[in-house]
C-alpha atoms as a PDB file:
ATOM      1  CA  MET A   1     -38.317-118.642 -76.535  1.00  0.00           C
ATOM      2  CA  ASN A   2     -35.608-119.125 -73.844  1.00  0.00           C
ATOM      3  CA  ILE A   3     -32.178-117.594 -74.273  1.00  0.00           C
ATOM      4  CA  ARG A   4     -30.102-118.373 -71.037  1.00  0.00           C
ATOM      5  CA  GLY A   5     -32.891-118.543 -69.063  1.00  0.00           C
ATOM      6  CA  ALA A   6     -34.492-115.432 -70.481  1.00  0.00           C
ATOM      7  CA  VAL A   7     -38.090-115.954 -71.789  1.00  0.00           C
ATOM      8  CA  ASP A   8     -39.540-114.237 -74.734  1.00  0.00           C
ATOM      9  CA  ASN A   9     -43.382-114.575 -75.678  1.00  0.00           C
ATOM     10  CA  TYR A  10     -42.519-113.355 -79.610  1.00  0.00           C
ATOM     11  CA  ASP A  11     -45.484-110.933 -79.246  1.00  0.00           C
ATOM     12  CA  ARG A  12     -43.937-108.000 -81.424  1.00  0.00           C
ATOM     13  CA  LYS A  13     -45.904-107.337 -84.974  1.00  0.00           C
ATOM     14  CA  THR A  14     -45.265-104.711 -87.606  1.00  0.00           C
ATOM     15  CA  THR A  15     -47.929-102.349 -88.373  1.00  0.00           C
ATOM     16  CA  THR A  16     -48.567 -99.686 -91.062  1.00  0.00           C
ATOM     17  CA  HIS A  17     -47.093 -96.776 -90.474  1.00  0.00           C
ATOM     18  CA  ILE A  18     -46.091 -93.656 -92.591  1.00  0.00           C
ATOM     19  CA  VAL A  19     -41.887 -93.530 -92.085  1.00  0.00           C
ATOM     20  CA  ALA A  20     -39.378 -90.942 -93.175  1.00  0.00           C
ATOM     21  CA  TYR A  21     -36.080 -91.655 -93.079  1.00  0.00           C
ATOM     22  CA  LEU A  22     -33.637 -88.769 -93.275  1.00  0.00           C
ATOM     23  CA  ASP A  23     -29.677 -88.245 -94.000  1.00  0.00           C
ATOM     24  CA  ILE A  24     -27.880 -84.824 -92.718  1.00  0.00           C
ATOM     25  CA  LEU A  25     -25.903 -84.245 -95.778  1.00  0.00           C
ATOM     26  CA  GLY A  26     -22.050 -83.957 -94.719  1.00  0.00           C
ATOM     27  CA  VAL A  27     -21.827 -85.229 -91.427  1.00  0.00           C
ATOM     28  CA  ALA A  28     -19.340 -88.302 -92.229  1.00  0.00           C
ATOM     29  CA  SER A  29     -16.570 -85.672 -93.396  1.00  0.00           C
ATOM     30  CA  ARG A  30     -17.358 -83.375 -90.613  1.00  0.00           C
ATOM     31  CA  MET A  31     -16.404 -86.375 -88.285  1.00  0.00           C
ATOM     32  CA  LYS A  32     -12.815 -86.177 -89.618  1.00  0.00           C
ATOM     33  CA  ILE A  33     -12.027 -82.765 -88.965  1.00  0.00           C
ATOM     34  CA  ASP A  34      -9.804 -82.042 -85.973  1.00  0.00           C
ATOM     35  CA  ASN A  35     -12.148 -79.826 -84.364  1.00  0.00           C
ATOM     36  CA  GLN A  36     -15.242 -81.717 -83.957  1.00  0.00           C
ATOM     37  CA  ILE A  37     -16.749 -80.016 -80.504  1.00  0.00           C
ATOM     38  CA  GLU A  38     -19.203 -77.581 -82.805  1.00  0.00           C
ATOM     39  CA  PRO A  39     -20.700 -80.252 -85.567  1.00  0.00           C
ATOM     40  CA  LEU A  40     -21.133 -82.344 -82.562  1.00  0.00           C
ATOM     41  CA  ASN A  41     -22.795 -79.999 -80.557  1.00  0.00           C
ATOM     42  CA  LYS A  42     -24.970 -78.433 -83.577  1.00  0.00           C
ATOM     43  CA  LEU A  43     -26.045 -82.231 -84.318  1.00  0.00           C
ATOM     44  CA  TYR A  44     -27.245 -82.870 -80.511  1.00  0.00           C
ATOM     45  CA  ASN A  45     -29.500 -79.791 -80.398  1.00  0.00           C
ATOM     46  CA  LEU A  46     -30.680 -80.409 -83.513  1.00  0.00           C
ATOM     47  CA  TYR A  47     -31.678 -83.744 -82.363  1.00  0.00           C
ATOM     48  CA  LYS A  48     -32.744 -82.510 -78.933  1.00  0.00           C
ATOM     49  CA  HIS A  49     -34.664 -79.399 -80.472  1.00  0.00           C
ATOM     50  CA  ASN A  50     -37.210 -81.914 -82.357  1.00  0.00           C
ATOM     51  CA  ILE A  51     -37.787 -84.464 -79.680  1.00  0.00           C
ATOM     52  CA  ASP A  52     -38.578 -81.854 -77.496  1.00  0.00           C
ATOM     53  CA  TYR A  53     -41.030 -80.277 -79.961  1.00  0.00           C
ATOM     54  CA  ILE A  54     -43.258 -83.368 -79.945  1.00  0.00           C
ATOM     55  CA  GLY A  55     -42.594 -84.097 -76.281  1.00  0.00           C
ATOM     56  CA  LYS A  56     -45.534 -84.079 -73.862  1.00  0.00           C
ATOM     57  CA  GLU A  57     -45.178 -81.178 -72.389  1.00  0.00           C
ATOM     58  CA  LYS A  58     -45.576 -79.072 -75.143  1.00  0.00           C
ATOM     59  CA  GLY A  59     -49.371 -80.165 -74.844  1.00  0.00           C
ATOM     60  CA  ILE A  60     -49.768 -80.668 -78.853  1.00  0.00           C
ATOM     61  CA  GLU A  61     -51.515 -83.743 -78.908  1.00  0.00           C
ATOM     62  CA  ARG A  62     -51.454 -84.609 -82.809  1.00  0.00           C
ATOM     63  CA  TYR A  63     -47.620 -85.141 -82.269  1.00  0.00           C
ATOM     64  CA  ALA A  64     -47.988 -87.608 -79.187  1.00  0.00           C
ATOM     65  CA  ASP A  65     -47.490 -90.915 -80.753  1.00  0.00           C
ATOM     66  CA  ILE A  66     -44.953 -89.753 -83.327  1.00  0.00           C
ATOM     67  CA  ARG A  67     -41.496 -91.774 -82.697  1.00  0.00           C
ATOM     68  CA  TYR A  68     -37.862 -90.483 -83.530  1.00  0.00           C
ATOM     69  CA  ARG A  69     -34.955 -92.740 -83.589  1.00  0.00           C
ATOM     70  CA  ILE A  70     -31.335 -91.369 -84.284  1.00  0.00           C
ATOM     71  CA  PHE A  71     -27.813 -92.722 -85.490  1.00  0.00           C
ATOM     72  CA  SER A  72     -25.048 -90.885 -86.285  1.00  0.00           C
ATOM     73  CA  ASP A  73     -26.393 -88.592 -89.208  1.00  0.00           C
ATOM     74  CA  ASN A  74     -29.347 -90.465 -90.129  1.00  0.00           C
ATOM     75  CA  ILE A  75     -33.039 -90.097 -88.555  1.00  0.00           C
ATOM     76  CA  ILE A  76     -36.548 -91.885 -88.461  1.00  0.00           C
ATOM     77  CA  ILE A  77     -39.481 -90.310 -88.092  1.00  0.00           C
ATOM     78  CA  ALA A  78     -42.564 -92.728 -87.789  1.00  0.00           C
ATOM     79  CA  LYS A  79     -46.194 -92.843 -87.138  1.00  0.00           C
ATOM     80  CA  GLU A  80     -48.687 -95.827 -87.010  1.00  0.00           C
ATOM     81  CA  LEU A  81     -51.767 -95.064 -89.346  1.00  0.00           C
ATOM     82  CA  SER A  82     -55.194 -95.407 -88.665  1.00  0.00           C
ATOM     83  CA  SER A  83     -57.446 -97.524 -90.397  1.00  0.00           C
ATOM     84  CA  ASP A  84     -60.083 -94.693 -90.226  1.00  0.00           C
ATOM     85  CA  LYS A  85     -59.257 -92.492 -93.541  1.00  0.00           C
ATOM     86  CA  ALA A  86     -60.294 -89.325 -91.977  1.00  0.00           C
ATOM     87  CA  GLN A  87     -57.745 -89.672 -89.341  1.00  0.00           C
ATOM     88  CA  ARG A  88     -55.298 -91.614 -91.631  1.00  0.00           C
ATOM     89  CA  SER A  89     -54.715 -88.149 -93.976  1.00  0.00           C
ATOM     90  CA  CYS A  90     -54.249 -86.323 -90.593  1.00  0.00           C
ATOM     91  CA  ASP A  91     -51.934 -88.745 -89.737  1.00  0.00           C
ATOM     92  CA  ILE A  92     -49.558 -87.938 -92.550  1.00  0.00           C
ATOM     93  CA  GLU A  93     -50.036 -84.702 -92.390  1.00  0.00           C
ATOM     94  CA  ASN A  94     -48.718 -84.540 -88.643  1.00  0.00           C
ATOM     95  CA  LEU A  95     -46.028 -86.828 -89.709  1.00  0.00           C
ATOM     96  CA  PHE A  96     -45.369 -84.051 -92.671  1.00  0.00           C
ATOM     97  CA  TYR A  97     -45.173 -81.483 -89.830  1.00  0.00           C
ATOM     98  CA  CYS A  98     -42.833 -83.306 -87.734  1.00  0.00           C
ATOM     99  CA  VAL A  99     -40.615 -83.792 -91.059  1.00  0.00           C
ATOM    100  CA  SER A 100     -41.098 -79.805 -91.919  1.00  0.00           C
ATOM    101  CA  ASN A 101     -40.001 -78.947 -88.430  1.00  0.00           C
ATOM    102  CA  PHE A 102     -37.103 -80.970 -88.724  1.00  0.00           C
ATOM    103  CA  SER A 103     -36.034 -79.501 -91.950  1.00  0.00           C
ATOM    104  CA  HIS A 104     -36.606 -75.793 -90.800  1.00  0.00           C
ATOM    105  CA  SER A 105     -34.038 -76.490 -87.750  1.00  0.00           C
ATOM    106  CA  ALA A 106     -31.521 -77.882 -89.754  1.00  0.00           C
ATOM    107  CA  ILE A 107     -31.399 -75.491 -93.120  1.00  0.00           C
ATOM    108  CA  GLY A 108     -31.873 -72.581 -90.761  1.00  0.00           C
ATOM    109  CA  ASP A 109     -29.089 -70.147 -89.342  1.00  0.00           C
ATOM    110  CA  GLY A 110     -28.939 -71.774 -86.450  1.00  0.00           C
ATOM    111  CA  VAL A 111     -27.344 -75.307 -88.424  1.00  0.00           C
ATOM    112  CA  GLY A 112     -26.891 -74.700 -91.591  1.00  0.00           C
ATOM    113  CA  TRP A 113     -27.057 -78.261 -92.962  1.00  0.00           C
ATOM    114  CA  LEU A 114     -28.500 -79.924 -95.774  1.00  0.00           C
ATOM    115  CA  LEU A 115     -30.969 -82.939 -95.794  1.00  0.00           C
ATOM    116  CA  ARG A 116     -32.089 -85.863 -97.904  1.00  0.00           C
ATOM    117  CA  GLY A 117     -34.683 -88.288 -97.328  1.00  0.00           C
ATOM    118  CA  GLY A 118     -37.810 -90.335 -98.286  1.00  0.00           C
ATOM    119  CA  ILE A 119     -41.353 -90.902 -96.751  1.00  0.00           C
ATOM    120  CA  THR A 120     -43.066 -93.786 -97.421  1.00  0.00           C
ATOM    121  CA  ILE A 121     -46.175 -96.010 -96.142  1.00  0.00           C
ATOM    122  CA  GLY A 122     -45.514 -99.836 -95.062  1.00  0.00           C
ATOM    123  CA  GLU A 123     -45.134-102.310 -92.904  1.00  0.00           C
ATOM    124  CA  PHE A 124     -42.790-101.267 -89.861  1.00  0.00           C
ATOM    125  CA  TYR A 125     -41.773-102.257 -86.094  1.00  0.00           C
ATOM    126  CA  ILE A 126     -40.404 -99.382 -83.242  1.00  0.00           C
ATOM    127  CA  ASN A 127     -39.597 -99.712 -79.861  1.00  0.00           C
ATOM    128  CA  ASP A 128     -36.537 -98.505 -77.553  1.00  0.00           C
ATOM    129  CA  THR A 129     -34.434-101.437 -78.905  1.00  0.00           C
ATOM    130  CA  ILE A 130     -35.258-102.028 -82.495  1.00  0.00           C
ATOM    131  CA  ILE A 131     -36.674-100.594 -85.988  1.00  0.00           C
ATOM    132  CA  TRP A 132     -37.771-103.470 -88.453  1.00  0.00           C
ATOM    133  CA  GLY A 133     -39.614-103.340 -91.667  1.00  0.00           C
ATOM    134  CA  SER A 134     -40.273-103.256 -95.220  1.00  0.00           C
ATOM    135  CA  ALA A 135     -41.347 -99.364 -94.916  1.00  0.00           C
ATOM    136  CA  LEU A 136     -37.715 -98.773 -93.286  1.00  0.00           C
ATOM    137  CA  LEU A 137     -36.190-100.414 -96.435  1.00  0.00           C
ATOM    138  CA  ARG A 138     -38.336 -98.679 -98.637  1.00  0.00           C
ATOM    139  CA  ALA A 139     -37.371 -95.118 -97.236  1.00  0.00           C
ATOM    140  CA  TYR A 140     -33.937 -95.857 -96.967  1.00  0.00           C
ATOM    141  CA  GLU A 141     -34.055 -96.684-100.892  1.00  0.00           C
ATOM    142  CA  LEU A 142     -35.652 -93.326-101.770  1.00  0.00           C
ATOM    143  CA  GLU A 143     -33.243 -91.457 -99.886  1.00  0.00           C
ATOM    144  CA  ASN A 144     -29.914 -93.261-101.055  1.00  0.00           C
ATOM    145  CA  THR A 145     -31.202 -94.233-104.874  1.00  0.00           C
ATOM    146  CA  ILE A 146     -33.500 -91.505-105.959  1.00  0.00           C
ATOM    147  CA  ALA A 147     -33.636 -88.077-103.654  1.00  0.00           C
ATOM    148  CA  ASN A 148     -29.920 -87.342-105.201  1.00  0.00           C
ATOM    149  CA  TYR A 149     -30.785 -83.761-104.507  1.00  0.00           C
ATOM    150  CA  PRO A 150     -31.114 -82.443-100.947  1.00  0.00           C
ATOM    151  CA  ARG A 151     -35.064 -83.289-101.221  1.00  0.00           C
ATOM    152  CA  ILE A 152     -37.311 -85.547 -99.204  1.00  0.00           C
ATOM    153  CA  VAL A 153     -38.992 -87.602-101.874  1.00  0.00           C
ATOM    154  CA  ILE A 154     -42.448 -88.645-101.455  1.00  0.00           C
ATOM    155  CA  ASP A 155     -43.240 -92.568-102.531  1.00  0.00           C
ATOM    156  CA  SER A 156     -46.385 -92.962-104.539  1.00  0.00           C
ATOM    157  CA  SER A 157     -47.665 -94.923-101.251  1.00  0.00           C
ATOM    158  CA  ILE A 158     -48.186 -91.774 -99.967  1.00  0.00           C
ATOM    159  CA  LEU A 159     -49.663 -89.925-103.015  1.00  0.00           C
ATOM    160  CA  ALA A 160     -52.687 -92.828-103.213  1.00  0.00           C
ATOM    161  CA  GLU A 161     -53.520 -91.920-100.037  1.00  0.00           C
ATOM    162  CA  PHE A 162     -54.639 -88.263-101.254  1.00  0.00           C
ATOM    163  CA  ASP A 163     -58.445 -89.394-102.860  1.00  0.00           C
ATOM    164  CA  SER A 164     -59.564 -89.116 -98.909  1.00  0.00           C
ATOM    165  CA  ARG A 165     -58.991 -85.481 -97.774  1.00  0.00           C
ATOM    166  CA  LYS A 166     -62.071 -84.997 -95.265  1.00  0.00           C
ATOM    167  CA  LYS A 167     -60.059 -84.106 -92.228  1.00  0.00           C
ATOM    168  CA  PRO A 168     -61.181 -81.790 -88.896  1.00  0.00           C
ATOM    169  CA  SER A 169     -61.431 -78.136 -89.826  1.00  0.00           C
ATOM    170  CA  ASP A 170     -57.948 -77.481 -87.871  1.00  0.00           C
ATOM    171  CA  TYR A 171     -56.207 -79.466 -90.426  1.00  0.00           C
ATOM    172  CA  THR A 172     -54.934 -78.412 -93.860  1.00  0.00           C
ATOM    173  CA  ASP A 173     -54.534 -81.069 -96.889  1.00  0.00           C
ATOM    174  CA  PRO A 174     -51.608 -83.066 -96.848  1.00  0.00           C
ATOM    175  CA  ALA A 175     -51.179 -82.917-100.779  1.00  0.00           C
ATOM    176  CA  ASP A 176     -50.163 -78.860 -99.998  1.00  0.00           C
ATOM    177  CA  PHE A 177     -46.854 -80.711 -98.871  1.00  0.00           C
ATOM    178  CA  VAL A 178     -45.984 -81.960-102.063  1.00  0.00           C
ATOM    179  CA  ARG A 179     -43.995 -80.424-105.185  1.00  0.00           C
ATOM    180  CA  LYS A 180     -43.206 -82.315-108.196  1.00  0.00           C
ATOM    181  CA  ASP A 181     -39.759 -81.914-109.382  1.00  0.00           C
ATOM    182  CA  PHE A 182     -38.467 -81.452-113.127  1.00  0.00           C
ATOM    183  CA  ASP A 183     -37.602 -85.152-113.309  1.00  0.00           C
ATOM    184  CA  GLY A 184     -41.183 -86.202-112.113  1.00  0.00           C
ATOM    185  CA  ILE A 185     -40.062 -86.372-108.726  1.00  0.00           C
ATOM    186  CA  HIS A 186     -42.289 -86.101-105.604  1.00  0.00           C
ATOM    187  CA  TYR A 187     -40.836 -84.156-102.888  1.00  0.00           C
ATOM    188  CA  LEU A 188     -41.683 -82.786 -99.394  1.00  0.00           C
ATOM    189  CA  ASN A 189     -42.356 -78.716 -99.971  1.00  0.00           C
ATOM    190  CA  TYR A 190     -41.096 -78.195 -95.981  1.00  0.00           C
ATOM    191  CA  MET A 191     -41.441 -74.485 -96.807  1.00  0.00           C
ATOM    192  CA  ASN A 192     -45.239 -75.007 -96.768  1.00  0.00           C
ATOM    193  CA  THR A 193     -45.302 -74.520 -92.884  1.00  0.00           C
ATOM    194  CA  TRP A 194     -42.526 -71.998 -92.609  1.00  0.00           C
ATOM    195  CA  HIS A 195     -43.354 -68.184 -93.007  1.00  0.00           C
ATOM    196  CA  PHE A 196     -41.465 -65.039 -92.474  1.00  0.00           C
ATOM    197  CA  ALA A 197     -38.451 -67.167 -93.198  1.00  0.00           C
ATOM    198  CA  GLY A 198     -36.021 -65.209 -95.612  1.00  0.00           C
ATOM    199  CA  GLN A 199     -33.553 -64.269 -93.682  1.00  0.00           C
ATOM    200  CA  PHE A 200     -33.111 -67.629 -91.526  1.00  0.00           C
ATOM    201  CA  VAL A 201     -32.357 -69.202 -94.402  1.00  0.00           C
ATOM    202  CA  LYS A 202     -30.327 -66.832 -96.193  1.00  0.00           C
ATOM    203  CA  ASN A 203     -27.988 -66.903 -93.488  1.00  0.00           C
ATOM    204  CA  GLY A 204     -28.186 -70.612 -92.800  1.00  0.00           C
ATOM    205  CA  PHE A 205     -27.331 -71.141 -97.159  1.00  0.00           C
ATOM    206  CA  GLU A 206     -24.564 -68.685 -96.220  1.00  0.00           C
ATOM    207  CA  LYS A 207     -23.002 -71.159 -93.713  1.00  0.00           C
ATOM    208  CA  MET A 208     -23.511 -73.516 -96.282  1.00  0.00           C
ATOM    209  CA  LYS A 209     -21.548 -71.935 -98.552  1.00  0.00           C
ATOM    210  CA  ALA A 210     -18.674 -71.021 -96.359  1.00  0.00           C
ATOM    211  CA  GLU A 211     -18.647 -74.698 -95.415  1.00  0.00           C
ATOM    212  CA  ALA A 212     -18.719 -76.347 -98.202  1.00  0.00           C
ATOM    213  CA  LYS A 213     -16.099 -73.783-100.454  1.00  0.00           C
ATOM    214  CA  LYS A 214     -12.594 -75.027-101.273  1.00  0.00           C
ATOM    215  CA  PRO A 215      -9.491 -73.279-100.340  1.00  0.00           C
ATOM    216  CA  ASP A 216      -9.317 -71.962-104.059  1.00  0.00           C
ATOM    217  CA  GLY A 217     -12.871 -70.176-103.642  1.00  0.00           C
ATOM    218  CA  THR A 218     -15.020 -73.124-105.554  1.00  0.00           C
ATOM    219  CA  TYR A 219     -17.313 -76.180-104.991  1.00  0.00           C
ATOM    220  CA  SER A 220     -16.499 -79.496-105.946  1.00  0.00           C
ATOM    221  CA  ASP A 221     -19.553 -80.524-108.897  1.00  0.00           C
ATOM    222  CA  LYS A 222     -21.433 -82.402-106.517  1.00  0.00           C
ATOM    223  CA  ILE A 223     -21.722 -80.017-103.912  1.00  0.00           C
ATOM    224  CA  TYR A 224     -22.783 -77.232-106.354  1.00  0.00           C
ATOM    225  CA  GLN A 225     -25.423 -79.322-107.334  1.00  0.00           C
ATOM    226  CA  LYS A 226     -26.798 -79.841-104.517  1.00  0.00           C
ATOM    227  CA  LEU A 227     -26.302 -76.196-103.530  1.00  0.00           C
ATOM    228  CA  VAL A 228     -27.945 -75.192-106.419  1.00  0.00           C
ATOM    229  CA  TRP A 229     -31.305 -77.300-105.811  1.00  0.00           C
ATOM    230  CA  HIS A 230     -31.648 -76.125-102.530  1.00  0.00           C
ATOM    231  CA  MET A 231     -31.447 -72.194-103.711  1.00  0.00           C
ATOM    232  CA  ASN A 232     -33.805 -73.019-106.556  1.00  0.00           C
ATOM    233  CA  TYR A 233     -36.232 -74.770-103.931  1.00  0.00           C
ATOM    234  CA  ILE A 234     -36.167 -71.849-101.398  1.00  0.00           C
ATOM    235  CA  ASN A 235     -36.164 -68.960-103.788  1.00  0.00           C
ATOM    236  CA  SER A 236     -39.328 -70.624-105.382  1.00  0.00           C
ATOM    237  CA  GLU A 237     -41.327 -71.006-102.281  1.00  0.00           C
ATOM    238  CA  LEU A 238     -40.435 -67.447-101.124  1.00  0.00           C
ATOM    239  CA  ASP A 239     -41.714 -65.971-104.115  1.00  0.00           C
ATOM    240  CA  LYS A 240     -44.982 -67.767-103.482  1.00  0.00           C
ATOM    241  CA  LYS A 241     -45.363 -66.203-100.236  1.00  0.00           C
ATOM    242  CA  ASN A 242     -46.732 -62.778 -99.780  1.00  0.00           C
ATOM    243  CA  GLU A 243     -44.370 -61.847 -97.387  1.00  0.00           C
ATOM    244  CA  ARG A 244     -43.083 -58.293 -98.324  1.00  0.00           C
ATOM    245  CA  LYS A 245     -40.445 -57.965 -95.992  1.00  0.00           C
ATOM    246  CA  ASP A 246     -38.888 -61.248 -96.802  1.00  0.00           C
ATOM    247  CA  LYS A 247     -38.354 -60.269-100.807  1.00  0.00           C
ATOM    248  CA  LYS A 248     -34.771 -59.022-100.270  1.00  0.00           C
ATOM    249  CA  TYR A 249     -34.053 -62.399 -99.052  1.00  0.00           C
ATOM    250  CA  ARG A 250     -32.854 -64.746-102.239  1.00  0.00           C
ATOM    251  CA  LEU A 251     -30.401 -67.238-102.055  1.00  0.00           C
ATOM    252  CA  THR A 252     -27.781 -66.901-104.741  1.00  0.00           C
ATOM    253  CA  MET A 253     -24.277 -68.670-105.337  1.00  0.00           C
ATOM    254  CA  ASP A 254     -22.207 -65.396-105.387  1.00  0.00           C
END
């Protein structure tokens, strides 16, 4: 196609990716406050830290081709999947690791913000200019209509991949990242990769509560439900870890 003399080869195509769509809860309201400097800089540093985490200078080869795109309070993290079954399982795990790391950074004491999202497998295209594809739409649908709580929903298309689990010895089973919630929804257990984290998540939770609390000391019903879900998830995962010094760090709504 030729538009005003610029010739394009029409050679772009979608390929199979695993795609995560994340939403940072409450960013829109933070944009409306008089002093936007602190949330603006928190947001920038949250993004920068996680992009640096997969940078080539880190020397972590398994993350080299994971792509991030960020716009306002929305984050896309994507990785093209191999056709080899063993490598494909590793690709899924690598994406889970990166999404988990982003989650740690968001909920910890450095930021103290909740995330909601969806992860799926499907057709996708990404470059420095555009993101496109059915996987993007499905991941957004999981976040927007199914997640409800501050959880990152894992689509059935990913669960179906776990039949082939033969991987190199330095990889874990990606199924270790999966939890099934009270309503039957599967979500990402990002605490799977975070050890001795009790103090960090507790301090982050105190920040969340302080920001969400109304002048009369109460919370809106929707925010209260999200905080309680997060509290229950974190406490449950910390209880499963045999990390004695963290036993005193449990989240409460007090």
